[in-house]
Full PDB file with SEQRES, HELIX, SHEET, SSBOND, CRYST1, ORIGX, SCALE, CONECT and MASTER records, all heavy atoms in Angstrom:
SEQRES   1 A   29  ASN GLY PHE GLU ASP ALA ALA ALA GLY LYS SER THR SER          
SEQRES   2 A   29  ASP THR PHE ILE SER GLN GLY ALA ASP ILE LEU PHE PRO          
SEQRES   3 A   29  VAL ALA GLY                                                  
HELIX    1 AA1 ALA A    6  SER A   18  1                                  13    
CRYST1    1.000    1.000    1.000  90.00  90.00  90.00 P 1           1          
ORIGX1      1.000000  0.000000  0.000000        0.00000                         
ORIGX2      0.000000  1.000000  0.000000        0.00000                         
ORIGX3      0.000000  0.000000  1.000000        0.00000                         
SCALE1      1.000000  0.000000  0.000000        0.00000                         
SCALE2      0.000000  1.000000  0.000000        0.00000                         
SCALE3      0.000000  0.000000  1.000000        0.00000                         
ATOM      1  N   ASN A   1     142.557 199.795  46.749  1.00  0.00           N  
ATOM      2  CA  ASN A   1     141.208 200.461  46.282  1.00  0.00           C  
ATOM      3  C   ASN A   1     140.065 199.490  46.499  1.00  0.00           C  
ATOM      4  O   ASN A   1     139.133 199.519  45.831  1.00  0.00           O  
ATOM      5  CB  ASN A   1     141.299 200.858  44.932  1.00  0.00           C  
ATOM      6  CG  ASN A   1     142.356 202.003  44.763  1.00  0.00           C  
ATOM      7  OD1 ASN A   1     142.476 202.916  45.608  1.00  0.00           O  
ATOM      8  ND2 ASN A   1     143.018 201.904  43.693  1.00  0.00           N  
ATOM      9  N   GLY A   2     140.104 198.702  47.628  1.00  0.00           N  
ATOM     10  CA  GLY A   2     138.897 197.960  48.014  1.00  0.00           C  
ATOM     11  C   GLY A   2     139.364 196.928  49.108  1.00  0.00           C  
ATOM     12  O   GLY A   2     140.481 196.885  49.556  1.00  0.00           O  
ATOM     13  N   PHE A   3     138.306 196.215  49.613  1.00  0.00           N  
ATOM     14  CA  PHE A   3     138.411 195.345  50.756  1.00  0.00           C  
ATOM     15  C   PHE A   3     138.088 193.916  50.406  1.00  0.00           C  
ATOM     16  O   PHE A   3     137.996 193.008  51.226  1.00  0.00           O  
ATOM     17  CB  PHE A   3     137.718 195.771  51.906  1.00  0.00           C  
ATOM     18  CG  PHE A   3     138.129 197.101  52.443  1.00  0.00           C  
ATOM     19  CD1 PHE A   3     137.421 198.301  52.144  1.00  0.00           C  
ATOM     20  CD2 PHE A   3     139.153 197.234  53.358  1.00  0.00           C  
ATOM     21  CE1 PHE A   3     137.787 199.477  52.829  1.00  0.00           C  
ATOM     22  CE2 PHE A   3     139.567 198.365  53.874  1.00  0.00           C  
ATOM     23  CZ  PHE A   3     138.897 199.542  53.578  1.00  0.00           C  
ATOM     24  N   GLU A   4     137.783 193.626  49.042  1.00  0.00           N  
ATOM     25  CA  GLU A   4     137.344 192.263  48.768  1.00  0.00           C  
ATOM     26  C   GLU A   4     138.272 191.514  47.868  1.00  0.00           C  
ATOM     27  O   GLU A   4     138.167 190.254  47.856  1.00  0.00           O  
ATOM     28  CB  GLU A   4     135.995 192.274  47.996  1.00  0.00           C  
ATOM     29  CG  GLU A   4     134.855 193.040  48.804  1.00  0.00           C  
ATOM     30  CD  GLU A   4     134.861 194.506  48.824  1.00  0.00           C  
ATOM     31  OE1 GLU A   4     135.046 195.142  47.656  1.00  0.00           O  
ATOM     32  OE2 GLU A   4     134.728 195.101  49.858  1.00  0.00           O  
ATOM     33  N   ASP A   5     139.197 192.165  47.208  1.00  0.00           N  
ATOM     34  CA  ASP A   5     139.961 191.410  46.184  1.00  0.00           C  
ATOM     35  C   ASP A   5     141.225 190.734  46.802  1.00  0.00           C  
ATOM     36  O   ASP A   5     142.309 191.392  46.805  1.00  0.00           O  
ATOM     37  CB  ASP A   5     140.410 192.521  45.022  1.00  0.00           C  
ATOM     38  CG  ASP A   5     140.826 191.758  43.783  1.00  0.00           C  
ATOM     39  OD1 ASP A   5     141.222 190.599  43.835  1.00  0.00           O  
ATOM     40  OD2 ASP A   5     141.015 192.518  42.772  1.00  0.00           O  
ATOM     41  N   ALA A   6     141.027 189.542  47.165  1.00  0.00           N  
ATOM     42  CA  ALA A   6     142.213 188.819  47.855  1.00  0.00           C  
ATOM     43  C   ALA A   6     143.295 188.573  46.745  1.00  0.00           C  
ATOM     44  O   ALA A   6     144.504 188.477  47.086  1.00  0.00           O  
ATOM     45  CB  ALA A   6     141.676 187.473  48.320  1.00  0.00           C  
ATOM     46  N   ALA A   7     142.907 188.487  45.469  1.00  0.00           N  
ATOM     47  CA  ALA A   7     143.904 188.245  44.441  1.00  0.00           C  
ATOM     48  C   ALA A   7     144.832 189.392  44.236  1.00  0.00           C  
ATOM     49  O   ALA A   7     145.976 189.353  44.109  1.00  0.00           O  
ATOM     50  CB  ALA A   7     143.198 187.948  42.989  1.00  0.00           C  
ATOM     51  N   ALA A   8     144.211 190.613  44.321  1.00  0.00           N  
ATOM     52  CA  ALA A   8     145.003 191.861  44.286  1.00  0.00           C  
ATOM     53  C   ALA A   8     145.908 191.960  45.535  1.00  0.00           C  
ATOM     54  O   ALA A   8     147.085 192.341  45.578  1.00  0.00           O  
ATOM     55  CB  ALA A   8     144.170 193.186  44.266  1.00  0.00           C  
ATOM     56  N   GLY A   9     145.365 191.489  46.676  1.00  0.00           N  
ATOM     57  CA  GLY A   9     146.142 191.530  47.990  1.00  0.00           C  
ATOM     58  C   GLY A   9     147.208 190.491  47.785  1.00  0.00           C  
ATOM     59  O   GLY A   9     148.359 190.888  48.245  1.00  0.00           O  
ATOM     60  N   LYS A  10     147.128 189.385  47.106  1.00  0.00           N  
ATOM     61  CA  LYS A  10     148.200 188.378  46.954  1.00  0.00           C  
ATOM     62  C   LYS A  10     149.303 189.060  46.029  1.00  0.00           C  
ATOM     63  O   LYS A  10     150.537 188.979  46.360  1.00  0.00           O  
ATOM     64  CB  LYS A  10     147.746 187.092  46.418  1.00  0.00           C  
ATOM     65  CG  LYS A  10     148.898 186.035  46.390  1.00  0.00           C  
ATOM     66  CD  LYS A  10     148.378 184.769  45.867  1.00  0.00           C  
ATOM     67  CE  LYS A  10     149.497 183.769  45.912  1.00  0.00           C  
ATOM     68  NZ  LYS A  10     150.730 184.132  44.993  1.00  0.00           N  
ATOM     69  N   SER A  11     148.922 189.599  44.852  1.00  0.00           N  
ATOM     70  CA  SER A  11     149.864 190.121  43.912  1.00  0.00           C  
ATOM     71  C   SER A  11     150.676 191.220  44.573  1.00  0.00           C  
ATOM     72  O   SER A  11     151.892 191.391  44.337  1.00  0.00           O  
ATOM     73  CB  SER A  11     149.182 190.556  42.730  1.00  0.00           C  
ATOM     74  OG  SER A  11     148.314 191.641  42.905  1.00  0.00           O  
ATOM     75  N   THR A  12     149.985 192.171  45.419  1.00  0.00           N  
ATOM     76  CA  THR A  12     150.567 193.197  46.062  1.00  0.00           C  
ATOM     77  C   THR A  12     151.693 192.671  47.085  1.00  0.00           C  
ATOM     78  O   THR A  12     152.748 193.129  47.161  1.00  0.00           O  
ATOM     79  CB  THR A  12     149.622 194.075  46.838  1.00  0.00           C  
ATOM     80  OG1 THR A  12     148.737 194.738  45.884  1.00  0.00           O  
ATOM     81  CG2 THR A  12     150.455 195.233  47.619  1.00  0.00           C  
ATOM     82  N   SER A  13     151.180 191.692  47.788  1.00  0.00           N  
ATOM     83  CA  SER A  13     152.139 191.030  48.784  1.00  0.00           C  
ATOM     84  C   SER A  13     153.345 190.220  48.086  1.00  0.00           C  
ATOM     85  O   SER A  13     154.459 190.426  48.554  1.00  0.00           O  
ATOM     86  CB  SER A  13     151.373 190.007  49.677  1.00  0.00           C  
ATOM     87  OG  SER A  13     150.337 190.681  50.287  1.00  0.00           O  
ATOM     88  N   ASP A  14     153.090 189.684  46.924  1.00  0.00           N  
ATOM     89  CA  ASP A  14     154.132 189.001  46.173  1.00  0.00           C  
ATOM     90  C   ASP A  14     155.106 189.961  45.792  1.00  0.00           C  
ATOM     91  O   ASP A  14     156.361 189.663  45.808  1.00  0.00           O  
ATOM     92  CB  ASP A  14     153.610 188.275  44.907  1.00  0.00           C  
ATOM     93  CG  ASP A  14     152.824 186.932  45.303  1.00  0.00           C  
ATOM     94  OD1 ASP A  14     153.082 186.430  46.366  1.00  0.00           O  
ATOM     95  OD2 ASP A  14     152.060 186.531  44.571  1.00  0.00           O  
ATOM     96  N   THR A  15     154.756 191.229  45.385  1.00  0.00           N  
ATOM     97  CA  THR A  15     155.647 192.245  44.982  1.00  0.00           C  
ATOM     98  C   THR A  15     156.524 192.701  46.120  1.00  0.00           C  
ATOM     99  O   THR A  15     157.780 192.770  45.988  1.00  0.00           O  
ATOM    100  CB  THR A  15     154.869 193.540  44.549  1.00  0.00           C  
ATOM    101  OG1 THR A  15     154.284 193.083  43.271  1.00  0.00           O  
ATOM    102  CG2 THR A  15     155.848 194.659  44.039  1.00  0.00           C  
ATOM    103  N   PHE A  16     155.931 192.829  47.293  1.00  0.00           N  
ATOM    104  CA  PHE A  16     156.730 193.202  48.503  1.00  0.00           C  
ATOM    105  C   PHE A  16     157.717 192.048  48.834  1.00  0.00           C  
ATOM    106  O   PHE A  16     158.907 192.436  49.265  1.00  0.00           O  
ATOM    107  CB  PHE A  16     155.814 193.651  49.687  1.00  0.00           C  
ATOM    108  CG  PHE A  16     155.177 194.891  49.509  1.00  0.00           C  
ATOM    109  CD1 PHE A  16     153.866 195.099  49.696  1.00  0.00           C  
ATOM    110  CD2 PHE A  16     155.947 196.034  49.213  1.00  0.00           C  
ATOM    111  CE1 PHE A  16     153.226 196.374  49.680  1.00  0.00           C  
ATOM    112  CE2 PHE A  16     155.389 197.335  49.126  1.00  0.00           C  
ATOM    113  CZ  PHE A  16     154.026 197.482  49.381  1.00  0.00           C  
ATOM    114  N   ILE A  17     157.247 190.825  48.679  1.00  0.00           N  
ATOM    115  CA  ILE A  17     158.168 189.701  49.068  1.00  0.00           C  
ATOM    116  C   ILE A  17     159.379 189.762  48.155  1.00  0.00           C  
ATOM    117  O   ILE A  17     160.547 189.538  48.463  1.00  0.00           O  
ATOM    118  CB  ILE A  17     157.398 188.470  49.006  1.00  0.00           C  
ATOM    119  CG1 ILE A  17     156.435 188.292  50.109  1.00  0.00           C  
ATOM    120  CG2 ILE A  17     158.328 187.208  49.109  1.00  0.00           C  
ATOM    121  CD1 ILE A  17     155.351 187.265  50.134  1.00  0.00           C  
ATOM    122  N   SER A  18     159.184 190.029  46.791  1.00  0.00           N  
ATOM    123  CA  SER A  18     160.245 190.095  45.826  1.00  0.00           C  
ATOM    124  C   SER A  18     161.125 191.202  46.190  1.00  0.00           C  
ATOM    125  O   SER A  18     162.321 191.136  45.715  1.00  0.00           O  
ATOM    126  CB  SER A  18     159.617 190.246  44.407  1.00  0.00           C  
ATOM    127  OG  SER A  18     159.040 191.493  44.305  1.00  0.00           O  
ATOM    128  N   GLN A  19     160.662 192.255  46.891  1.00  0.00           N  
ATOM    129  CA  GLN A  19     161.579 193.336  47.298  1.00  0.00           C  
ATOM    130  C   GLN A  19     162.217 193.039  48.668  1.00  0.00           C  
ATOM    131  O   GLN A  19     162.999 193.927  49.109  1.00  0.00           O  
ATOM    132  CB  GLN A  19     160.733 194.670  47.439  1.00  0.00           C  
ATOM    133  CG  GLN A  19     160.191 195.110  46.072  1.00  0.00           C  
ATOM    134  CD  GLN A  19     159.201 196.235  46.148  1.00  0.00           C  
ATOM    135  OE1 GLN A  19     158.834 196.655  47.248  1.00  0.00           O  
ATOM    136  NE2 GLN A  19     158.607 196.653  45.082  1.00  0.00           N  
ATOM    137  N   GLY A  20     162.107 191.964  49.158  1.00  0.00           N  
ATOM    138  CA  GLY A  20     162.821 191.593  50.291  1.00  0.00           C  
ATOM    139  C   GLY A  20     161.992 191.589  51.619  1.00  0.00           C  
ATOM    140  O   GLY A  20     162.534 191.132  52.763  1.00  0.00           O  
ATOM    141  N   ALA A  21     160.776 191.911  51.630  1.00  0.00           N  
ATOM    142  CA  ALA A  21     159.902 191.877  52.954  1.00  0.00           C  
ATOM    143  C   ALA A  21     159.744 190.473  53.314  1.00  0.00           C  
ATOM    144  O   ALA A  21     159.272 189.626  52.483  1.00  0.00           O  
ATOM    145  CB  ALA A  21     158.653 192.605  52.600  1.00  0.00           C  
ATOM    146  N   ASP A  22     159.867 190.157  54.610  1.00  0.00           N  
ATOM    147  CA  ASP A  22     159.631 188.840  55.188  1.00  0.00           C  
ATOM    148  C   ASP A  22     158.569 188.845  56.280  1.00  0.00           C  
ATOM    149  O   ASP A  22     158.231 187.753  56.721  1.00  0.00           O  
ATOM    150  CB  ASP A  22     160.915 188.220  55.789  1.00  0.00           C  
ATOM    151  CG  ASP A  22     161.596 189.000  56.971  1.00  0.00           C  
ATOM    152  OD1 ASP A  22     161.094 190.138  57.137  1.00  0.00           O  
ATOM    153  OD2 ASP A  22     162.395 188.489  57.577  1.00  0.00           O  
ATOM    154  N   ILE A  23     157.951 190.043  56.408  1.00  0.00           N  
ATOM    155  CA  ILE A  23     156.771 190.076  57.265  1.00  0.00           C  
ATOM    156  C   ILE A  23     155.771 191.011  56.692  1.00  0.00           C  
ATOM    157  O   ILE A  23     156.213 192.243  56.334  1.00  0.00           O  
ATOM    158  CB  ILE A  23     157.107 190.574  58.764  1.00  0.00           C  
ATOM    159  CG1 ILE A  23     158.040 189.576  59.468  1.00  0.00           C  
ATOM    160  CG2 ILE A  23     155.822 190.871  59.527  1.00  0.00           C  
ATOM    161  CD1 ILE A  23     158.466 189.964  60.819  1.00  0.00           C  
ATOM    162  N   LEU A  24     154.615 190.670  56.607  1.00  0.00           N  
ATOM    163  CA  LEU A  24     153.467 191.400  55.792  1.00  0.00           C  
ATOM    164  C   LEU A  24     152.436 191.880  56.805  1.00  0.00           C  
ATOM    165  O   LEU A  24     152.050 191.023  57.725  1.00  0.00           O  
ATOM    166  CB  LEU A  24     152.860 190.612  54.790  1.00  0.00           C  
ATOM    167  CG  LEU A  24     153.796 189.896  53.759  1.00  0.00           C  
ATOM    168  CD1 LEU A  24     153.004 189.020  52.803  1.00  0.00           C  
ATOM    169  CD2 LEU A  24     154.405 191.130  52.899  1.00  0.00           C  
ATOM    170  N   PHE A  25     151.872 193.003  56.709  1.00  0.00           N  
ATOM    171  CA  PHE A  25     150.960 193.646  57.615  1.00  0.00           C  
ATOM    172  C   PHE A  25     149.810 194.245  56.735  1.00  0.00           C  
ATOM    173  O   PHE A  25     149.802 195.437  56.536  1.00  0.00           O  
ATOM    174  CB  PHE A  25     151.554 194.702  58.506  1.00  0.00           C  
ATOM    175  CG  PHE A  25     150.616 195.206  59.392  1.00  0.00           C  
ATOM    176  CD1 PHE A  25     150.015 194.507  60.544  1.00  0.00           C  
ATOM    177  CD2 PHE A  25     150.327 196.611  59.612  1.00  0.00           C  
ATOM    178  CE1 PHE A  25     149.281 195.089  61.434  1.00  0.00           C  
ATOM    179  CE2 PHE A  25     149.578 197.269  60.562  1.00  0.00           C  
ATOM    180  CZ  PHE A  25     149.006 196.427  61.508  1.00  0.00           C  
ATOM    181  N   PRO A  26     148.807 193.396  56.275  1.00  0.00           N  
ATOM    182  CA  PRO A  26     147.789 193.818  55.457  1.00  0.00           C  
ATOM    183  C   PRO A  26     146.622 194.506  56.324  1.00  0.00           C  
ATOM    184  O   PRO A  26     146.275 193.942  57.310  1.00  0.00           O  
ATOM    185  CB  PRO A  26     147.318 192.503  54.773  1.00  0.00           C  
ATOM    186  CG  PRO A  26     147.499 191.475  55.768  1.00  0.00           C  
ATOM    187  CD  PRO A  26     148.789 191.894  56.536  1.00  0.00           C  
ATOM    188  N   VAL A  27     146.224 195.629  55.824  1.00  0.00           N  
ATOM    189  CA  VAL A  27     145.037 196.307  56.562  1.00  0.00           C  
ATOM    190  C   VAL A  27     143.990 196.491  55.483  1.00  0.00           C  
ATOM    191  O   VAL A  27     143.707 197.503  55.030  1.00  0.00           O  
ATOM    192  CB  VAL A  27     145.561 197.714  57.116  1.00  0.00           C  
ATOM    193  CG1 VAL A  27     144.439 198.191  58.092  1.00  0.00           C  
ATOM    194  CG2 VAL A  27     146.836 197.637  57.876  1.00  0.00           C  
ATOM    195  N   ALA A  28     143.268 195.288  55.269  1.00  0.00           N  
ATOM    196  CA  ALA A  28     142.287 195.355  54.125  1.00  0.00           C  
ATOM    197  C   ALA A  28     141.210 194.425  54.311  1.00  0.00           C  
ATOM    198  O   ALA A  28     140.603 193.966  53.360  1.00  0.00           O  
ATOM    199  CB  ALA A  28     143.057 195.052  52.976  1.00  0.00           C  
ATOM    200  N   GLY A  29     140.720 194.067  55.505  1.00  0.00           N  
ATOM    201  CA  GLY A  29     139.565 193.176  55.710  1.00  0.00           C  
ATOM    202  C   GLY A  29     139.880 191.813  55.019  1.00  0.00           C  
ATOM    203  O   GLY A  29     140.992 191.340  55.009  1.00  0.00           O  
TER     204      GLY A  29                                                      
MASTER        0    0    0    1    0    0    0    6  203    1    0    3          
END                                                                             
């Protein structure tokens, strides 16, 4: 819900990593 919050981007990415993702594709500026 935004393009500025890198901390939210990191926590979201950490969640996906914990689910087994090894490549991330952020579309969020």
